[in-house]
Amino acid sequence: MNKLYAGIEAGGTKFVCAVGTGPEDIRAKTSFSTSTPQETIAKTKEFFRAQESIHGKISAIGVASFGPLDPNPASPTYGYITSTPKPGWANFNFVSALEGDYNLPIKFDTDVNGAALGEYRWGAAQGLDTFVYLTIGTGIGGGGLVNGRLMHGLIHPEMGHIALPHDFDADPYKGGCPFHGDCLEGLANGPAIKARWGQSAESLPPDHPAWVLEANYLALGLVNFIYILSPQRIIMGGGVMKQSHLFPLIRKKVLDILNNYVKSKQILEYIDDFIVPPALGSNAGVLGALALAELAIIS
């Protein structure tokens, strides 16, 4: 009998929880707003208890969480959400809060690494060993795999906080990141779009000047990732990227900035297949959490 996995996509705005084994076998899924850690974890456990009574025992739990966090099992703060600005969640021991009720393997990683693993297992990164997954929404985060292994290191990638050229004459907005002001996240996340234009991304028409500016910032970020990591593909998800007209603007700007420097057919001739949306759509995160649970058992 197949093992049953529990997945938690822990977002700063909402939690998505699922029980199953993959895209073709999601037995149950729910979502709810992220409130205090105590309330949110209680709802999570309640959902899993109800599903175990229907579908049987869970074998492992995967957590793909907002951060910053500590994903290093050898660290004394493994399983913690660390310096997040999310009220109440800084220095919260996420894994310990689950271990109190579940004597199970738990795999804990960033939400973007989780989504990347889901795309690697079932989606747009199948067959690749080095790629980047980015989410552009309330925040901007990045992760992925290098040589077939999830990106880690000192902690984990913080791709949303790289510094970018900022022309204040063209864009006088100072940036909204509470730590860095006009980093990539501070200039190009959903709240930055709303702060500049007084409207959310989904309400702006495709011909609005916001999109040229947005594509420029995102392309600058992508070019840095291309130079440093040499990914075989870049997958871009999140709420802002649901505006599909952004993709051709970003692809063109990436080519302009690269200026024929990276001599790769994949970029020069097939850029539509190089910068892509997630094949798993909005389920990438929670499916990635299920893939993390699977990894907790086999690794």
C-alpha atoms as a PDB file:
ATOM      1  CA  MET A   1       0.000   0.000   0.000  1.00  0.00           C
ATOM      2  CA  ASN A   2       1.275   3.491  -0.894  1.00  0.00           C
ATOM      3  CA  LYS A   3       2.458   5.695   1.927  1.00  0.00           C
ATOM      4  CA  LEU A   4       0.245   8.692   2.699  1.00  0.00           C
ATOM      5  CA  TYR A   5       1.882  12.089   3.023  1.00  0.00           C
ATOM      6  CA  ALA A   6       0.864  15.372   4.633  1.00  0.00           C
ATOM      7  CA  GLY A   7       1.939  18.641   3.048  1.00  0.00           C
ATOM      8  CA  ILE A   8       1.874  22.146   4.498  1.00  0.00           C
ATOM      9  CA  GLU A   9       2.416  25.173   2.276  1.00  0.00           C
ATOM     10  CA  ALA A  10       2.888  27.772   4.987  1.00  0.00           C
ATOM     11  CA  GLY A  11       2.453  31.220   3.514  1.00  0.00           C
ATOM     12  CA  GLY A  12       2.566  34.536   5.285  1.00  0.00           C
ATOM     13  CA  THR A  13      -1.007  35.200   4.122  1.00  0.00           C
ATOM     14  CA  LYS A  14      -2.511  31.709   4.087  1.00  0.00           C
ATOM     15  CA  PHE A  15      -1.751  28.079   4.860  1.00  0.00           C
ATOM     16  CA  VAL A  16      -2.588  25.356   2.341  1.00  0.00           C
ATOM     17  CA  CYS A  17      -2.658  21.804   3.706  1.00  0.00           C
ATOM     18  CA  ALA A  18      -3.099  18.583   1.760  1.00  0.00           C
ATOM     19  CA  VAL A  19      -3.028  14.830   2.235  1.00  0.00           C
ATOM     20  CA  GLY A  20      -2.075  12.543  -0.637  1.00  0.00           C
ATOM     21  CA  THR A  21       0.838  11.282  -2.699  1.00  0.00           C
ATOM     22  CA  GLY A  22       0.999  13.598  -5.720  1.00  0.00           C
ATOM     23  CA  PRO A  23      -0.952  15.527  -8.380  1.00  0.00           C
ATOM     24  CA  GLU A  24      -3.120  12.564  -9.300  1.00  0.00           C
ATOM     25  CA  ASP A  25      -3.773  11.612  -5.688  1.00  0.00           C
ATOM     26  CA  ILE A  26      -4.725  14.547  -3.493  1.00  0.00           C
ATOM     27  CA  ARG A  27      -7.166  13.005  -1.029  1.00  0.00           C
ATOM     28  CA  ALA A  28      -8.072  16.286   0.659  1.00  0.00           C
ATOM     29  CA  LYS A  29      -6.954  19.904   0.627  1.00  0.00           C
ATOM     30  CA  THR A  30      -7.855  22.983   2.653  1.00  0.00           C
ATOM     31  CA  SER A  31      -6.674  26.554   3.124  1.00  0.00           C
ATOM     32  CA  PHE A  32      -7.097  29.168   5.815  1.00  0.00           C
ATOM     33  CA  SER A  33      -5.677  32.546   6.755  1.00  0.00           C
ATOM     34  CA  THR A  34      -2.362  32.694   8.587  1.00  0.00           C
ATOM     35  CA  SER A  35      -3.110  34.161  11.997  1.00  0.00           C
ATOM     36  CA  THR A  36      -1.084  33.530  15.159  1.00  0.00           C
ATOM     37  CA  PRO A  37       1.188  30.481  15.233  1.00  0.00           C
ATOM     38  CA  GLN A  38      -0.932  28.821  17.902  1.00  0.00           C
ATOM     39  CA  GLU A  39      -4.231  29.251  16.049  1.00  0.00           C
ATOM     40  CA  THR A  40      -2.783  28.369  12.652  1.00  0.00           C
ATOM     41  CA  ILE A  41      -0.968  25.236  13.812  1.00  0.00           C
ATOM     42  CA  ALA A  42      -4.082  24.138  15.720  1.00  0.00           C
ATOM     43  CA  LYS A  43      -6.144  24.358  12.503  1.00  0.00           C
ATOM     44  CA  THR A  44      -3.441  22.432  10.647  1.00  0.00           C
ATOM     45  CA  LYS A  45      -3.445  19.586  13.176  1.00  0.00           C
ATOM     46  CA  GLU A  46      -7.241  19.504  13.226  1.00  0.00           C
ATOM     47  CA  PHE A  47      -7.312  19.047   9.450  1.00  0.00           C
ATOM     48  CA  PHE A  48      -4.748  16.236   9.509  1.00  0.00           C
ATOM     49  CA  ARG A  49      -6.512  14.431  12.370  1.00  0.00           C
ATOM     50  CA  ALA A  50      -9.784  14.520  10.425  1.00  0.00           C
ATOM     51  CA  GLN A  51      -8.105  13.171   7.279  1.00  0.00           C
ATOM     52  CA  GLU A  52      -6.327  10.370   9.157  1.00  0.00           C
ATOM     53  CA  SER A  53      -9.708   9.196  10.442  1.00  0.00           C
ATOM     54  CA  ILE A  54     -10.859   8.910   6.807  1.00  0.00           C
ATOM     55  CA  HIS A  55      -7.760   7.908   4.840  1.00  0.00           C
ATOM     56  CA  GLY A  56      -5.503   6.209   7.394  1.00  0.00           C
ATOM     57  CA  LYS A  57      -2.231   7.088   9.049  1.00  0.00           C
ATOM     58  CA  ILE A  58       0.127   9.705   7.647  1.00  0.00           C
ATOM     59  CA  SER A  59       3.704   8.476   7.084  1.00  0.00           C
ATOM     60  CA  ALA A  60       5.571  11.800   6.913  1.00  0.00           C
ATOM     61  CA  ILE A  61       5.021  15.560   6.873  1.00  0.00           C
ATOM     62  CA  GLY A  62       6.533  18.089   4.487  1.00  0.00           C
ATOM     63  CA  VAL A  63       6.581  21.774   5.374  1.00  0.00           C
ATOM     64  CA  ALA A  64       7.279  24.409   2.717  1.00  0.00           C
ATOM     65  CA  SER A  65       7.274  27.647   4.670  1.00  0.00           C
ATOM     66  CA  PHE A  66       7.714  31.375   4.348  1.00  0.00           C
ATOM     67  CA  GLY A  67      10.879  32.617   5.999  1.00  0.00           C
ATOM     68  CA  PRO A  68      13.606  33.418   6.629  1.00  0.00           C
ATOM     69  CA  LEU A  69      13.992  30.054   8.317  1.00  0.00           C
ATOM     70  CA  ASP A  70      16.565  27.490   9.405  1.00  0.00           C
ATOM     71  CA  PRO A  71      16.472  24.315   7.252  1.00  0.00           C
ATOM     72  CA  ASN A  72      19.688  22.772   8.589  1.00  0.00           C
ATOM     73  CA  PRO A  73      18.933  19.638  10.664  1.00  0.00           C
ATOM     74  CA  ALA A  74      22.309  19.999  12.425  1.00  0.00           C
ATOM     75  CA  SER A  75      21.535  23.508  13.650  1.00  0.00           C
ATOM     76  CA  PRO A  76      20.164  24.230  17.154  1.00  0.00           C
ATOM     77  CA  THR A  77      17.462  26.373  15.550  1.00  0.00           C
ATOM     78  CA  TYR A  78      16.493  23.843  12.874  1.00  0.00           C
ATOM     79  CA  GLY A  79      12.799  24.103  12.116  1.00  0.00           C
ATOM     80  CA  TYR A  80      12.512  27.712  13.235  1.00  0.00           C
ATOM     81  CA  ILE A  81      11.097  30.624  11.296  1.00  0.00           C
ATOM     82  CA  THR A  82      13.700  33.236  12.191  1.00  0.00           C
ATOM     83  CA  SER A  83      13.758  36.963  11.337  1.00  0.00           C
ATOM     84  CA  THR A  84      10.427  37.303   9.567  1.00  0.00           C
ATOM     85  CA  PRO A  85       8.526  40.613   9.838  1.00  0.00           C
ATOM     86  CA  LYS A  86       5.281  38.576  10.100  1.00  0.00           C
ATOM     87  CA  PRO A  87       3.892  39.514  13.564  1.00  0.00           C
ATOM     88  CA  GLY A  88       4.133  36.675  16.090  1.00  0.00           C
ATOM     89  CA  TRP A  89       6.109  34.308  13.868  1.00  0.00           C
ATOM     90  CA  ALA A  90       9.704  35.455  14.428  1.00  0.00           C
ATOM     91  CA  ASN A  91      11.760  32.762  16.212  1.00  0.00           C
ATOM     92  CA  PHE A  92       8.846  30.307  16.108  1.00  0.00           C
ATOM     93  CA  ASN A  93       9.822  26.632  16.302  1.00  0.00           C
ATOM     94  CA  PHE A  94       7.584  25.255  13.546  1.00  0.00           C
ATOM     95  CA  VAL A  95       8.916  21.689  13.515  1.00  0.00           C
ATOM     96  CA  SER A  96       8.716  21.337  17.296  1.00  0.00           C
ATOM     97  CA  ALA A  97       5.089  22.493  17.232  1.00  0.00           C
ATOM     98  CA  LEU A  98       4.302  19.579  14.891  1.00  0.00           C
ATOM     99  CA  GLU A  99       6.518  16.991  16.599  1.00  0.00           C
ATOM    100  CA  GLY A 100       4.509  17.349  19.785  1.00  0.00           C
ATOM    101  CA  ASP A 101       1.613  15.529  18.099  1.00  0.00           C
ATOM    102  CA  TYR A 102       3.328  13.510  15.376  1.00  0.00           C
ATOM    103  CA  ASN A 103       6.190  11.081  15.883  1.00  0.00           C
ATOM    104  CA  LEU A 104       6.900  11.131  12.154  1.00  0.00           C
ATOM    105  CA  PRO A 105       9.679  12.164   9.763  1.00  0.00           C
ATOM    106  CA  ILE A 106       9.317  15.890   9.008  1.00  0.00           C
ATOM    107  CA  LYS A 107      11.100  17.697   6.172  1.00  0.00           C
ATOM    108  CA  PHE A 108      11.246  21.480   6.564  1.00  0.00           C
ATOM    109  CA  ASP A 109      12.298  23.898   3.849  1.00  0.00           C
ATOM    110  CA  THR A 110      11.422  27.208   2.226  1.00  0.00           C
ATOM    111  CA  ASP A 111       8.196  27.632   0.313  1.00  0.00           C
ATOM    112  CA  VAL A 112      10.123  28.285  -2.905  1.00  0.00           C
ATOM    113  CA  ASN A 113      12.382  25.250  -2.491  1.00  0.00           C
ATOM    114  CA  GLY A 114       9.245  23.216  -1.852  1.00  0.00           C
ATOM    115  CA  ALA A 115       7.559  24.513  -4.996  1.00  0.00           C
ATOM    116  CA  ALA A 116      10.774  23.894  -6.928  1.00  0.00           C
ATOM    117  CA  LEU A 117      10.830  20.284  -5.716  1.00  0.00           C
ATOM    118  CA  GLY A 118       7.210  19.854  -6.796  1.00  0.00           C
ATOM    119  CA  GLU A 119       8.014  21.169 -10.277  1.00  0.00           C
ATOM    120  CA  TYR A 120      11.064  18.899 -10.426  1.00  0.00           C
ATOM    121  CA  ARG A 121       9.034  15.863  -9.397  1.00  0.00           C
ATOM    122  CA  TRP A 122       5.915  16.444 -11.499  1.00  0.00           C
ATOM    123  CA  GLY A 123       6.052  19.744 -13.389  1.00  0.00           C
ATOM    124  CA  ALA A 124       8.076  22.134 -15.555  1.00  0.00           C
ATOM    125  CA  ALA A 125      11.489  21.043 -14.212  1.00  0.00           C
ATOM    126  CA  GLN A 126      11.196  17.315 -14.887  1.00  0.00           C
ATOM    127  CA  GLY A 127      14.440  15.978 -16.332  1.00  0.00           C
ATOM    128  CA  LEU A 128      16.504  19.020 -15.291  1.00  0.00           C
ATOM    129  CA  ASP A 129      19.169  19.074 -12.608  1.00  0.00           C
ATOM    130  CA  THR A 130      19.802  22.834 -12.267  1.00  0.00           C
ATOM    131  CA  PHE A 131      16.975  25.348 -12.368  1.00  0.00           C
ATOM    132  CA  VAL A 132      15.482  28.291 -10.495  1.00  0.00           C
ATOM    133  CA  TYR A 133      11.966  28.684  -9.131  1.00  0.00           C
ATOM    134  CA  LEU A 134      10.808  32.213  -8.258  1.00  0.00           C
ATOM    135  CA  THR A 135       7.607  33.402  -6.657  1.00  0.00           C
ATOM    136  CA  ILE A 136       6.541  36.988  -7.286  1.00  0.00           C
ATOM    137  CA  GLY A 137       3.704  37.960  -4.976  1.00  0.00           C
ATOM    138  CA  THR A 138       3.369  39.564  -1.558  1.00  0.00           C
ATOM    139  CA  GLY A 139       7.092  38.851  -1.296  1.00  0.00           C
ATOM    140  CA  ILE A 140       9.692  37.654  -3.761  1.00  0.00           C
ATOM    141  CA  GLY A 141      11.567  34.440  -3.086  1.00  0.00           C
ATOM    142  CA  GLY A 142      13.705  32.045  -5.037  1.00  0.00           C
ATOM    143  CA  GLY A 143      14.993  28.515  -4.752  1.00  0.00           C
ATOM    144  CA  GLY A 144      15.592  25.513  -6.906  1.00  0.00           C
ATOM    145  CA  LEU A 145      18.001  22.682  -7.506  1.00  0.00           C
ATOM    146  CA  VAL A 146      21.699  22.661  -8.395  1.00  0.00           C
ATOM    147  CA  ASN A 147      23.118  19.374  -9.664  1.00  0.00           C
ATOM    148  CA  GLY A 148      19.921  17.656  -8.554  1.00  0.00           C
ATOM    149  CA  ARG A 149      20.042  18.915  -4.957  1.00  0.00           C
ATOM    150  CA  LEU A 150      17.880  21.558  -3.312  1.00  0.00           C
ATOM    151  CA  MET A 151      19.678  24.862  -2.824  1.00  0.00           C
ATOM    152  CA  HIS A 152      21.029  25.309   0.683  1.00  0.00           C
ATOM    153  CA  GLY A 153      24.221  26.641   2.157  1.00  0.00           C
ATOM    154  CA  LEU A 154      24.765  28.927   5.099  1.00  0.00           C
ATOM    155  CA  ILE A 155      20.952  29.087   5.346  1.00  0.00           C
ATOM    156  CA  HIS A 156      19.020  29.176   2.072  1.00  0.00           C
ATOM    157  CA  PRO A 157      18.847  31.448  -0.982  1.00  0.00           C
ATOM    158  CA  GLU A 158      17.327  34.908  -0.495  1.00  0.00           C
ATOM    159  CA  MET A 159      16.967  35.814  -4.154  1.00  0.00           C
ATOM    160  CA  GLY A 160      14.296  38.413  -3.479  1.00  0.00           C
ATOM    161  CA  HIS A 161      16.729  40.642  -1.599  1.00  0.00           C
ATOM    162  CA  ILE A 162      19.436  41.194  -4.211  1.00  0.00           C
ATOM    163  CA  ALA A 163      20.368  44.813  -4.951  1.00  0.00           C
ATOM    164  CA  LEU A 164      19.330  46.253  -8.312  1.00  0.00           C
ATOM    165  CA  PRO A 165      20.135  49.413 -10.253  1.00  0.00           C
ATOM    166  CA  HIS A 166      17.446  51.941  -9.297  1.00  0.00           C
ATOM    167  CA  ASP A 167      16.920  55.010 -11.470  1.00  0.00           C
ATOM    168  CA  PHE A 168      15.093  57.398  -9.138  1.00  0.00           C
ATOM    169  CA  ASP A 169      14.247  59.747 -12.023  1.00  0.00           C
ATOM    170  CA  ALA A 170      12.397  56.977 -13.833  1.00  0.00           C
ATOM    171  CA  ASP A 171      11.030  55.439 -10.637  1.00  0.00           C
ATOM    172  CA  PRO A 172      10.958  57.726  -7.575  1.00  0.00           C
ATOM    173  CA  TYR A 173       9.403  54.996  -5.393  1.00  0.00           C
ATOM    174  CA  LYS A 174      11.848  54.342  -2.541  1.00  0.00           C
ATOM    175  CA  GLY A 175      11.030  50.662  -2.191  1.00  0.00           C
ATOM    176  CA  GLY A 176       8.986  48.800   0.377  1.00  0.00           C
ATOM    177  CA  CYS A 177      11.319  46.221   1.929  1.00  0.00           C
ATOM    178  CA  PRO A 178      11.523  46.845   5.708  1.00  0.00           C
ATOM    179  CA  PHE A 179      15.125  45.591   5.700  1.00  0.00           C
ATOM    180  CA  HIS A 180      16.618  46.906   2.453  1.00  0.00           C
ATOM    181  CA  GLY A 181      14.221  49.413   0.906  1.00  0.00           C
ATOM    182  CA  ASP A 182      14.773  49.060  -2.829  1.00  0.00           C
ATOM    183  CA  CYS A 183      15.974  45.471  -3.201  1.00  0.00           C
ATOM    184  CA  LEU A 184      14.260  43.285  -5.827  1.00  0.00           C
ATOM    185  CA  GLU A 185      11.403  42.473  -3.442  1.00  0.00           C
ATOM    186  CA  GLY A 186      11.062  46.079  -2.326  1.00  0.00           C
ATOM    187  CA  LEU A 187      10.744  47.290  -5.911  1.00  0.00           C
ATOM    188  CA  ALA A 188       8.856  44.494  -7.671  1.00  0.00           C
ATOM    189  CA  ASN A 189       6.574  42.638  -5.267  1.00  0.00           C
ATOM    190  CA  GLY A 190       2.795  43.026  -5.256  1.00  0.00           C
ATOM    191  CA  PRO A 191       2.706  45.677  -2.491  1.00  0.00           C
ATOM    192  CA  ALA A 192       5.299  47.770  -4.382  1.00  0.00           C
ATOM    193  CA  ILE A 193       3.066  47.793  -7.457  1.00  0.00           C
ATOM    194  CA  LYS A 194       0.092  48.915  -5.371  1.00  0.00           C
ATOM    195  CA  ALA A 195       2.127  51.552  -3.512  1.00  0.00           C
ATOM    196  CA  ARG A 196       3.314  53.109  -6.774  1.00  0.00           C
ATOM    197  CA  TRP A 197       0.109  53.048  -8.765  1.00  0.00           C
ATOM    198  CA  GLY A 198      -2.640  52.924  -6.151  1.00  0.00           C
ATOM    199  CA  GLN A 199      -4.022  49.723  -7.661  1.00  0.00           C
ATOM    200  CA  SER A 200      -3.252  46.040  -7.190  1.00  0.00           C
ATOM    201  CA  ALA A 201      -1.534  44.131  -9.982  1.00  0.00           C
ATOM    202  CA  GLU A 202      -4.680  42.263 -11.027  1.00  0.00           C
ATOM    203  CA  SER A 203      -6.595  45.523 -11.558  1.00  0.00           C
ATOM    204  CA  LEU A 204      -4.009  47.178 -13.838  1.00  0.00           C
ATOM    205  CA  PRO A 205      -4.626  46.825 -17.600  1.00  0.00           C
ATOM    206  CA  PRO A 206      -1.979  45.062 -19.725  1.00  0.00           C
ATOM    207  CA  ASP A 207      -0.952  48.332 -21.420  1.00  0.00           C
ATOM    208  CA  HIS A 208      -0.313  50.150 -18.132  1.00  0.00           C
ATOM    209  CA  PRO A 209       3.251  51.564 -17.746  1.00  0.00           C
ATOM    210  CA  ALA A 210       3.562  49.558 -14.520  1.00  0.00           C
ATOM    211  CA  TRP A 211       4.319  46.417 -16.506  1.00  0.00           C
ATOM    212  CA  VAL A 212       7.317  47.751 -18.427  1.00  0.00           C
ATOM    213  CA  LEU A 213       8.855  48.879 -15.134  1.00  0.00           C
ATOM    214  CA  GLU A 214       7.994  45.580 -13.450  1.00  0.00           C
ATOM    215  CA  ALA A 215       9.461  43.544 -16.325  1.00  0.00           C
ATOM    216  CA  ASN A 216      12.650  45.604 -16.156  1.00  0.00           C
ATOM    217  CA  TYR A 217      13.212  44.879 -12.455  1.00  0.00           C
ATOM    218  CA  LEU A 218      12.365  41.195 -12.772  1.00  0.00           C
ATOM    219  CA  ALA A 219      14.615  40.813 -15.819  1.00  0.00           C
ATOM    220  CA  LEU A 220      17.510  42.433 -13.959  1.00  0.00           C
ATOM    221  CA  GLY A 221      17.043  39.877 -11.204  1.00  0.00           C
ATOM    222  CA  LEU A 222      16.823  36.969 -13.645  1.00  0.00           C
ATOM    223  CA  VAL A 223      19.987  37.992 -15.443  1.00  0.00           C
ATOM    224  CA  ASN A 224      21.900  37.902 -12.154  1.00  0.00           C
ATOM    225  CA  PHE A 225      20.591  34.389 -11.464  1.00  0.00           C
ATOM    226  CA  ILE A 226      21.517  33.311 -15.002  1.00  0.00           C
ATOM    227  CA  TYR A 227      25.078  34.551 -14.564  1.00  0.00           C
ATOM    228  CA  ILE A 228      25.571  33.010 -11.115  1.00  0.00           C
ATOM    229  CA  LEU A 229      23.694  29.683 -11.298  1.00  0.00           C
ATOM    230  CA  SER A 230      23.503  28.988 -15.056  1.00  0.00           C
ATOM    231  CA  PRO A 231      20.035  27.429 -14.722  1.00  0.00           C
ATOM    232  CA  GLN A 232      18.578  25.230 -17.437  1.00  0.00           C
ATOM    233  CA  ARG A 233      15.178  26.870 -16.871  1.00  0.00           C
ATOM    234  CA  ILE A 234      13.597  29.627 -14.787  1.00  0.00           C
ATOM    235  CA  ILE A 235      10.081  29.031 -13.471  1.00  0.00           C
ATOM    236  CA  MET A 236       8.124  32.082 -12.311  1.00  0.00           C
ATOM    237  CA  GLY A 237       5.033  31.724 -10.140  1.00  0.00           C
ATOM    238  CA  GLY A 238       3.125  33.781  -7.598  1.00  0.00           C
ATOM    239  CA  GLY A 239       0.218  36.198  -7.801  1.00  0.00           C
ATOM    240  CA  VAL A 240       1.936  38.887  -9.857  1.00  0.00           C
ATOM    241  CA  MET A 241       2.923  36.358 -12.532  1.00  0.00           C
ATOM    242  CA  LYS A 242      -0.716  35.460 -13.078  1.00  0.00           C
ATOM    243  CA  GLN A 243      -0.640  38.519 -15.332  1.00  0.00           C
ATOM    244  CA  SER A 244       0.541  36.393 -18.247  1.00  0.00           C
ATOM    245  CA  HIS A 245       1.332  39.423 -20.431  1.00  0.00           C
ATOM    246  CA  LEU A 246       4.379  39.936 -18.176  1.00  0.00           C
ATOM    247  CA  PHE A 247       6.204  36.901 -19.561  1.00  0.00           C
ATOM    248  CA  PRO A 248       6.943  38.232 -23.070  1.00  0.00           C
ATOM    249  CA  LEU A 249       8.045  41.577 -21.603  1.00  0.00           C
ATOM    250  CA  ILE A 250      10.443  39.841 -19.212  1.00  0.00           C
ATOM    251  CA  ARG A 251      11.827  37.511 -21.892  1.00  0.00           C
ATOM    252  CA  LYS A 252      12.556  40.423 -24.234  1.00  0.00           C
ATOM    253  CA  LYS A 253      14.197  42.463 -21.495  1.00  0.00           C
ATOM    254  CA  VAL A 254      16.364  39.515 -20.412  1.00  0.00           C
ATOM    255  CA  LEU A 255      17.634  39.156 -23.975  1.00  0.00           C
ATOM    256  CA  ASP A 256      18.299  42.907 -24.157  1.00  0.00           C
ATOM    257  CA  ILE A 257      20.288  42.928 -20.899  1.00  0.00           C
ATOM    258  CA  LEU A 258      22.264  39.777 -21.725  1.00  0.00           C
ATOM    259  CA  ASN A 259      23.190  41.430 -25.035  1.00  0.00           C
ATOM    260  CA  ASN A 260      24.160  38.112 -26.651  1.00  0.00           C
ATOM    261  CA  TYR A 261      26.743  37.396 -23.924  1.00  0.00           C
ATOM    262  CA  VAL A 262      25.485  33.970 -22.818  1.00  0.00           C
ATOM    263  CA  LYS A 263      25.829  31.810 -25.916  1.00  0.00           C
ATOM    264  CA  SER A 264      23.125  29.279 -25.225  1.00  0.00           C
ATOM    265  CA  LYS A 265      20.567  28.113 -27.756  1.00  0.00           C
ATOM    266  CA  GLN A 266      18.106  27.579 -24.908  1.00  0.00           C
ATOM    267  CA  ILE A 267      18.142  31.322 -24.235  1.00  0.00           C
ATOM    268  CA  LEU A 268      18.841  32.787 -27.671  1.00  0.00           C
ATOM    269  CA  GLU A 269      16.408  30.626 -29.656  1.00  0.00           C
ATOM    270  CA  TYR A 270      14.031  29.041 -27.151  1.00  0.00           C
ATOM    271  CA  ILE A 271      13.533  31.678 -24.494  1.00  0.00           C
ATOM    272  CA  ASP A 272       9.785  30.950 -24.397  1.00  0.00           C
ATOM    273  CA  ASP A 273      10.760  27.535 -22.981  1.00  0.00           C
ATOM    274  CA  PHE A 274      13.476  28.968 -20.749  1.00  0.00           C
ATOM    275  CA  ILE A 275      11.383  31.444 -18.721  1.00  0.00           C
ATOM    276  CA  VAL A 276       8.083  29.732 -17.976  1.00  0.00           C
ATOM    277  CA  PRO A 277       5.146  29.610 -15.544  1.00  0.00           C
ATOM    278  CA  PRO A 278       4.835  26.637 -13.170  1.00  0.00           C
ATOM    279  CA  ALA A 279       3.278  23.587 -14.804  1.00  0.00           C
ATOM    280  CA  LEU A 280       1.577  22.770 -11.494  1.00  0.00           C
ATOM    281  CA  GLY A 281      -0.010  26.219 -11.305  1.00  0.00           C
ATOM    282  CA  SER A 282      -1.184  27.341  -7.894  1.00  0.00           C
ATOM    283  CA  ASN A 283      -0.710  23.781  -6.560  1.00  0.00           C
ATOM    284  CA  ALA A 284       3.085  23.912  -6.952  1.00  0.00           C
ATOM    285  CA  GLY A 285       3.632  24.865  -3.311  1.00  0.00           C
ATOM    286  CA  VAL A 286       1.452  22.293  -1.608  1.00  0.00           C
ATOM    287  CA  LEU A 287       2.504  19.538  -4.021  1.00  0.00           C
ATOM    288  CA  GLY A 288       6.075  20.518  -3.246  1.00  0.00           C
ATOM    289  CA  ALA A 289       5.283  20.038   0.435  1.00  0.00           C
ATOM    290  CA  LEU A 290       4.051  16.503  -0.344  1.00  0.00           C
ATOM    291  CA  ALA A 291       7.289  15.909  -2.269  1.00  0.00           C
ATOM    292  CA  LEU A 292       9.230  17.105   0.796  1.00  0.00           C
ATOM    293  CA  ALA A 293       7.322  14.578   2.917  1.00  0.00           C
ATOM    294  CA  GLU A 294       8.266  11.840   0.467  1.00  0.00           C
ATOM    295  CA  LEU A 295      11.889  13.014   0.677  1.00  0.00           C
ATOM    296  CA  ALA A 296      11.756  12.871   4.489  1.00  0.00           C
ATOM    297  CA  ILE A 297      11.355   9.086   4.237  1.00  0.00           C
ATOM    298  CA  ILE A 298      13.744   8.269   1.392  1.00  0.00           C
ATOM    299  CA  SER A 299      16.594  10.621   2.333  1.00  0.00           C
END
